[in-house]
Amino acid sequence: MRYIWLIMKVTFKDGIRSRVLFGITILSVLLFAADVVITNLFSLDVGKVMIDIGFAALSLAGLSVIFFLGIGMLSQDIHNKTVYMVISRPVTRSQYIIGKFGGLTLILLVVMAILGALALVSFGVGSLLLEGSALPRNFSWPILMTTLFFHFLSLLVVLSIAFFFTIISSSMYLAMLFTFCVYFIGNSIETIVKVLVKGEFITPSRFYVILMKGISWFFPNLAAFDIKATLAYGLPQDVTYLLWTGVYGFGYSFILILLTLMVFRQKDIC
């Protein structure tokens, strides 16, 4: 456990000192500042627009951390043979992967905390400065914290996917491409299956419906973590749904990390 903690600490320090993280933070601050300006262009549901833009900025920042820090740092360690310096010591490959994943999770958590605070500031400033704007009806701070938590959990799932593809692929860019494809499918597959099952716009074959349902079980359902509609419209949250979604998110990440460990143990990095 001591070696895992040391790798986590080194990874966290390297990530915090990275210029990439600094650029991501600056871009996010500009997006939150633009949030106040953009919402002035809308006359209806201004509070909902502020929330949508704020969480879009959070998503962009979180994905940037995963793609440019997570994939970049792990890929460079493997392809530049830096990993030799770690596993040549009394550190197993599993401890290395877990430590790296833990360190990047801490970076992602810190980034989400800081940018979440900036989002709250942009919401408050926007509701005070913009004429006729206000926070959504039935606005609740606990619901906002819950929405931020599940947003972070969805990014944690994407991070575990990024680790898996970084280990099995031979190129950092391939890992980015595969991760982006899974991210896109994960956000779209639930809607596609619902449209096919209802059959309101098209009449698909039974085989195609079964195939898409199977794919929906294989790929992560990232749309399930998007609960900002309850925040934007002041809707009540289903506690049972939240509990099962949390179990699903942590379980999916755990399985992906296990698969990553199995592949990395057999991987020839010489």
Protein backbone atom coordinates (compact mmCIF):
# COMPACT_ATOMS: atom_id res chain seq x y z
CA MET A 1 0.00 0.00 0.00
CA ARG A 2 2.92 2.32 0.70
CA TYR A 3 4.19 2.03 -2.88
CA ILE A 4 0.72 2.73 -4.28
CA TRP A 5 0.49 5.89 -2.17
CA LEU A 6 3.95 7.02 -3.30
CA ILE A 7 3.04 6.57 -6.97
CA MET A 8 -0.24 8.42 -6.38
CA LYS A 9 1.61 11.30 -4.75
CA VAL A 10 4.21 11.56 -7.53
CA THR A 11 1.51 11.39 -10.22
CA PHE A 12 -0.54 14.06 -8.46
CA LYS A 13 2.45 16.40 -8.12
CA ASP A 14 3.45 15.91 -11.76
CA GLY A 15 -0.08 16.60 -12.91
CA ILE A 16 -0.51 19.71 -10.78
CA ARG A 17 2.77 21.13 -12.09
CA SER A 18 1.85 20.39 -15.70
CA ARG A 19 1.37 23.30 -18.07
CA VAL A 20 -1.47 21.37 -19.64
CA LEU A 21 -3.46 21.62 -16.41
CA PHE A 22 -2.73 25.33 -16.22
CA GLY A 23 -4.05 25.82 -19.76
CA ILE A 24 -7.17 23.79 -18.98
CA THR A 25 -7.84 25.93 -15.91
CA ILE A 26 -7.44 29.19 -17.85
CA LEU A 27 -9.79 27.94 -20.59
CA SER A 28 -12.37 26.90 -18.00
CA VAL A 29 -12.23 30.28 -16.27
CA LEU A 30 -12.84 31.99 -19.62
CA LEU A 31 -15.78 29.68 -20.32
CA PHE A 32 -17.35 30.46 -16.95
CA ALA A 33 -16.86 34.17 -17.60
CA ALA A 34 -18.48 33.73 -21.00
CA ASP A 35 -21.36 31.94 -19.27
CA VAL A 36 -22.51 35.26 -17.83
CA VAL A 37 -22.33 36.92 -21.26
CA ILE A 38 -23.97 34.11 -23.23
CA THR A 39 -26.94 33.80 -20.89
CA ASN A 40 -27.72 37.46 -21.59
CA LEU A 41 -28.70 36.39 -25.13
CA PHE A 42 -31.61 34.30 -23.80
CA SER A 43 -34.91 35.58 -22.51
CA LEU A 44 -36.43 32.32 -21.24
CA ASP A 45 -35.09 29.67 -18.83
CA VAL A 46 -31.97 31.72 -18.15
CA GLY A 47 -31.22 29.66 -15.05
CA LYS A 48 -31.32 26.44 -17.07
CA VAL A 49 -29.03 27.95 -19.70
CA MET A 50 -26.51 28.91 -17.01
CA ILE A 51 -26.53 25.37 -15.64
CA ASP A 52 -26.16 23.79 -19.11
CA ILE A 53 -23.22 26.02 -20.04
CA GLY A 54 -21.59 25.58 -16.64
CA PHE A 55 -21.72 21.80 -16.79
CA ALA A 56 -20.56 21.87 -20.42
CA ALA A 57 -17.46 23.73 -19.22
CA LEU A 58 -16.98 21.14 -16.45
CA SER A 59 -17.23 18.32 -18.99
CA LEU A 60 -14.73 19.96 -21.31
CA ALA A 61 -12.26 20.49 -18.48
CA GLY A 62 -12.66 16.96 -17.11
CA LEU A 63 -12.27 15.34 -20.53
CA SER A 64 -9.21 17.51 -21.21
CA VAL A 65 -7.61 16.27 -18.00
CA ILE A 66 -8.34 12.65 -18.99
CA PHE A 67 -7.17 12.96 -22.60
CA PHE A 68 -4.11 15.18 -22.21
CA LEU A 69 -2.96 14.34 -18.69
CA GLY A 70 -4.30 10.83 -18.06
CA ILE A 71 -3.58 9.24 -21.44
CA GLY A 72 -0.54 11.43 -22.03
CA MET A 73 1.25 10.68 -18.75
CA LEU A 74 0.58 6.92 -18.83
CA SER A 75 1.45 6.59 -22.52
CA GLN A 76 4.71 8.52 -22.13
CA ASP A 77 5.74 6.39 -19.16
CA ILE A 78 5.24 3.20 -21.20
CA HIS A 79 6.55 4.27 -24.60
CA ASN A 80 9.49 6.29 -23.21
CA LYS A 81 10.42 3.32 -20.97
CA THR A 82 10.13 5.49 -17.85
CA VAL A 83 8.06 2.71 -16.31
CA TYR A 84 11.27 0.64 -16.09
CA MET A 85 12.51 2.87 -13.28
CA VAL A 86 9.40 2.03 -11.27
CA ILE A 87 8.83 -1.67 -11.84
CA SER A 88 12.56 -2.43 -11.50
CA ARG A 89 12.10 -1.59 -7.84
CA PRO A 90 9.96 -3.68 -5.44
CA VAL A 91 6.81 -2.34 -7.12
CA THR A 92 4.45 -4.63 -9.02
CA ARG A 93 2.74 -3.66 -12.26
CA SER A 94 -0.60 -3.73 -10.49
CA GLN A 95 0.64 -1.27 -7.88
CA TYR A 96 1.91 0.99 -10.64
CA ILE A 97 -1.45 1.06 -12.48
CA ILE A 98 -3.47 1.52 -9.29
CA GLY A 99 -1.14 4.30 -8.13
CA LYS A 100 -1.34 6.09 -11.48
CA PHE A 101 -5.12 5.77 -11.57
CA GLY A 102 -5.41 7.00 -7.99
CA GLY A 103 -3.15 10.00 -8.64
CA LEU A 104 -5.11 11.05 -11.72
CA THR A 105 -8.37 10.53 -9.82
CA LEU A 106 -7.11 12.98 -7.20
CA ILE A 107 -6.20 15.49 -9.93
CA LEU A 108 -9.64 15.08 -11.47
CA LEU A 109 -11.26 15.53 -8.07
CA VAL A 110 -9.32 18.73 -7.35
CA VAL A 111 -10.08 20.13 -10.81
CA MET A 112 -13.80 19.34 -10.43
CA ALA A 113 -13.86 20.94 -6.97
CA ILE A 114 -12.19 24.14 -8.17
CA LEU A 115 -14.23 24.41 -11.36
CA GLY A 116 -17.40 23.50 -9.48
CA ALA A 117 -16.75 26.45 -7.18
CA LEU A 118 -16.19 28.67 -10.24
CA ALA A 119 -19.48 27.39 -11.68
CA LEU A 120 -21.27 28.39 -8.50
CA VAL A 121 -19.68 31.84 -8.70
CA SER A 122 -20.79 32.21 -12.32
CA PHE A 123 -24.32 31.14 -11.39
CA GLY A 124 -24.44 33.67 -8.56
CA VAL A 125 -22.91 36.52 -10.54
CA GLY A 126 -25.15 35.80 -13.51
CA SER A 127 -28.31 35.80 -11.42
CA LEU A 128 -27.31 39.11 -9.80
CA LEU A 129 -26.04 41.03 -12.82
CA LEU A 130 -28.38 39.91 -15.56
CA GLU A 131 -31.74 41.58 -15.52
CA GLY A 132 -34.60 39.15 -15.13
CA SER A 133 -32.35 36.14 -14.54
CA ALA A 134 -32.49 33.92 -11.50
CA LEU A 135 -31.50 30.49 -10.35
CA PRO A 136 -33.85 27.70 -11.43
CA ARG A 137 -37.05 27.26 -9.46
CA ASN A 138 -36.87 24.97 -6.44
CA PHE A 139 -33.08 25.31 -6.59
CA SER A 140 -31.42 23.05 -4.02
CA TRP A 141 -27.77 22.98 -2.94
CA PRO A 142 -27.86 19.26 -2.04
CA ILE A 143 -29.20 18.47 -5.51
CA LEU A 144 -26.41 20.58 -7.01
CA MET A 145 -23.78 18.68 -5.00
CA THR A 146 -25.35 15.38 -6.07
CA THR A 147 -25.29 16.47 -9.71
CA LEU A 148 -21.61 17.42 -9.43
CA PHE A 149 -20.81 14.08 -7.79
CA PHE A 150 -22.42 12.03 -10.57
CA HIS A 151 -20.71 14.22 -13.15
CA PHE A 152 -17.40 13.36 -11.50
CA LEU A 153 -18.37 9.67 -11.41
CA SER A 154 -19.02 9.68 -15.17
CA LEU A 155 -15.56 11.16 -15.72
CA LEU A 156 -14.10 8.45 -13.48
CA VAL A 157 -15.65 5.82 -15.76
CA VAL A 158 -14.13 7.58 -18.80
CA LEU A 159 -10.75 7.66 -17.02
CA SER A 160 -10.84 3.89 -16.45
CA ILE A 161 -11.72 3.42 -20.14
CA ALA A 162 -8.80 5.66 -21.11
CA PHE A 163 -6.42 3.59 -18.97
CA PHE A 164 -7.60 0.36 -20.60
CA PHE A 165 -7.12 1.62 -24.16
CA THR A 166 -3.76 3.22 -23.32
CA ILE A 167 -2.46 -0.15 -22.13
CA ILE A 168 -3.76 -2.22 -25.05
CA SER A 169 -2.96 0.25 -27.85
CA SER A 170 0.42 1.03 -29.34
CA SER A 171 -0.18 4.75 -29.75
CA MET A 172 -1.38 7.57 -27.53
CA TYR A 173 -3.51 8.91 -30.37
CA LEU A 174 -5.22 5.56 -30.88
CA ALA A 175 -6.03 5.48 -27.16
CA MET A 176 -7.52 8.97 -27.43
CA LEU A 177 -9.56 7.97 -30.49
CA PHE A 178 -10.90 4.77 -28.89
CA THR A 179 -11.75 6.58 -25.66
CA PHE A 180 -13.55 9.36 -27.51
CA CYS A 181 -15.56 6.82 -29.53
CA VAL A 182 -16.64 5.00 -26.36
CA TYR A 183 -17.50 8.33 -24.74
CA PHE A 184 -19.66 9.32 -27.72
CA ILE A 185 -21.40 5.93 -27.84
CA GLY A 186 -21.95 5.94 -24.09
CA ASN A 187 -23.75 9.28 -24.28
CA SER A 188 -25.88 8.28 -27.27
CA ILE A 189 -26.70 4.58 -26.96
CA GLU A 190 -29.54 4.98 -24.43
CA THR A 191 -31.40 7.43 -26.66
CA ILE A 192 -30.89 5.23 -29.73
CA VAL A 193 -32.26 2.15 -27.95
CA LYS A 194 -35.30 4.07 -26.70
CA VAL A 195 -36.07 5.31 -30.22
CA LEU A 196 -35.71 1.79 -31.66
CA VAL A 197 -37.87 0.17 -28.98
CA LYS A 198 -40.67 2.71 -29.29
CA GLY A 199 -40.57 2.55 -33.09
CA GLU A 200 -42.19 5.97 -33.49
CA PHE A 201 -39.97 7.19 -36.32
CA ILE A 202 -38.64 3.96 -37.83
CA THR A 203 -39.52 0.28 -37.84
CA PRO A 204 -36.26 -1.60 -37.28
CA SER A 205 -35.82 -5.34 -37.53
CA ARG A 206 -35.95 -7.39 -34.35
CA PHE A 207 -32.35 -8.52 -34.83
CA TYR A 208 -31.16 -4.91 -35.01
CA VAL A 209 -33.04 -3.99 -31.82
CA ILE A 210 -31.52 -6.98 -29.98
CA LEU A 211 -28.07 -6.05 -31.31
CA MET A 212 -28.36 -2.46 -30.09
CA LYS A 213 -29.61 -3.64 -26.69
CA GLY A 214 -26.57 -5.91 -26.44
CA ILE A 215 -24.26 -3.05 -27.33
CA SER A 216 -25.94 -0.90 -24.67
CA TRP A 217 -25.00 -3.51 -22.05
CA PHE A 218 -21.41 -3.65 -23.28
CA PHE A 219 -20.69 0.08 -23.50
CA PRO A 220 -21.02 2.36 -20.47
CA ASN A 221 -24.31 4.22 -20.21
CA LEU A 222 -22.81 7.64 -19.53
CA ALA A 223 -26.16 9.36 -20.10
CA ALA A 224 -27.39 7.77 -16.85
CA PHE A 225 -25.03 10.03 -14.87
CA ASP A 226 -26.41 13.19 -16.45
CA ILE A 227 -28.99 14.31 -13.88
CA LYS A 228 -28.67 18.06 -14.33
CA ALA A 229 -32.26 18.19 -15.66
CA THR A 230 -33.48 17.61 -12.10
CA LEU A 231 -31.38 20.58 -11.01
CA ALA A 232 -32.44 22.82 -13.89
CA TYR A 233 -36.18 22.16 -13.49
CA GLY A 234 -36.29 21.68 -9.73
CA LEU A 235 -37.45 18.07 -10.00
CA PRO A 236 -37.24 15.56 -7.14
CA GLN A 237 -34.49 12.95 -7.34
CA ASP A 238 -35.14 9.22 -7.09
CA VAL A 239 -32.86 7.95 -4.31
CA THR A 240 -33.07 4.35 -5.53
CA TYR A 241 -32.04 5.41 -9.03
CA LEU A 242 -29.13 7.40 -7.64
CA LEU A 243 -27.93 4.47 -5.52
CA TRP A 244 -28.02 1.98 -8.40
CA THR A 245 -26.37 4.48 -10.74
CA GLY A 246 -23.58 5.00 -8.21
CA VAL A 247 -23.08 1.24 -7.88
CA TYR A 248 -23.06 0.94 -11.67
CA GLY A 249 -20.45 3.69 -12.06
CA PHE A 250 -18.06 2.37 -9.45
CA GLY A 251 -18.61 -1.23 -10.58
CA TYR A 252 -17.90 -0.44 -14.24
CA SER A 253 -14.72 1.46 -13.31
CA PHE A 254 -13.60 -1.41 -11.06
CA ILE A 255 -14.10 -3.99 -13.82
CA LEU A 256 -12.19 -1.84 -16.36
CA ILE A 257 -9.28 -1.41 -13.96
CA LEU A 258 -9.20 -5.18 -13.34
CA LEU A 259 -9.07 -5.79 -17.10
CA THR A 260 -6.32 -3.18 -17.39
CA LEU A 261 -4.31 -4.93 -14.69
CA MET A 262 -4.72 -8.31 -16.40
CA VAL A 263 -3.56 -6.92 -19.76
CA PHE A 264 -0.65 -4.96 -18.27
CA ARG A 265 0.66 -8.01 -16.39
CA GLN A 266 1.00 -9.87 -19.70
CA LYS A 267 2.15 -6.88 -21.76
CA ASP A 268 5.67 -6.96 -23.18
CA ILE A 269 7.09 -3.49 -22.58
CA CYS A 270 10.68 -4.35 -23.37
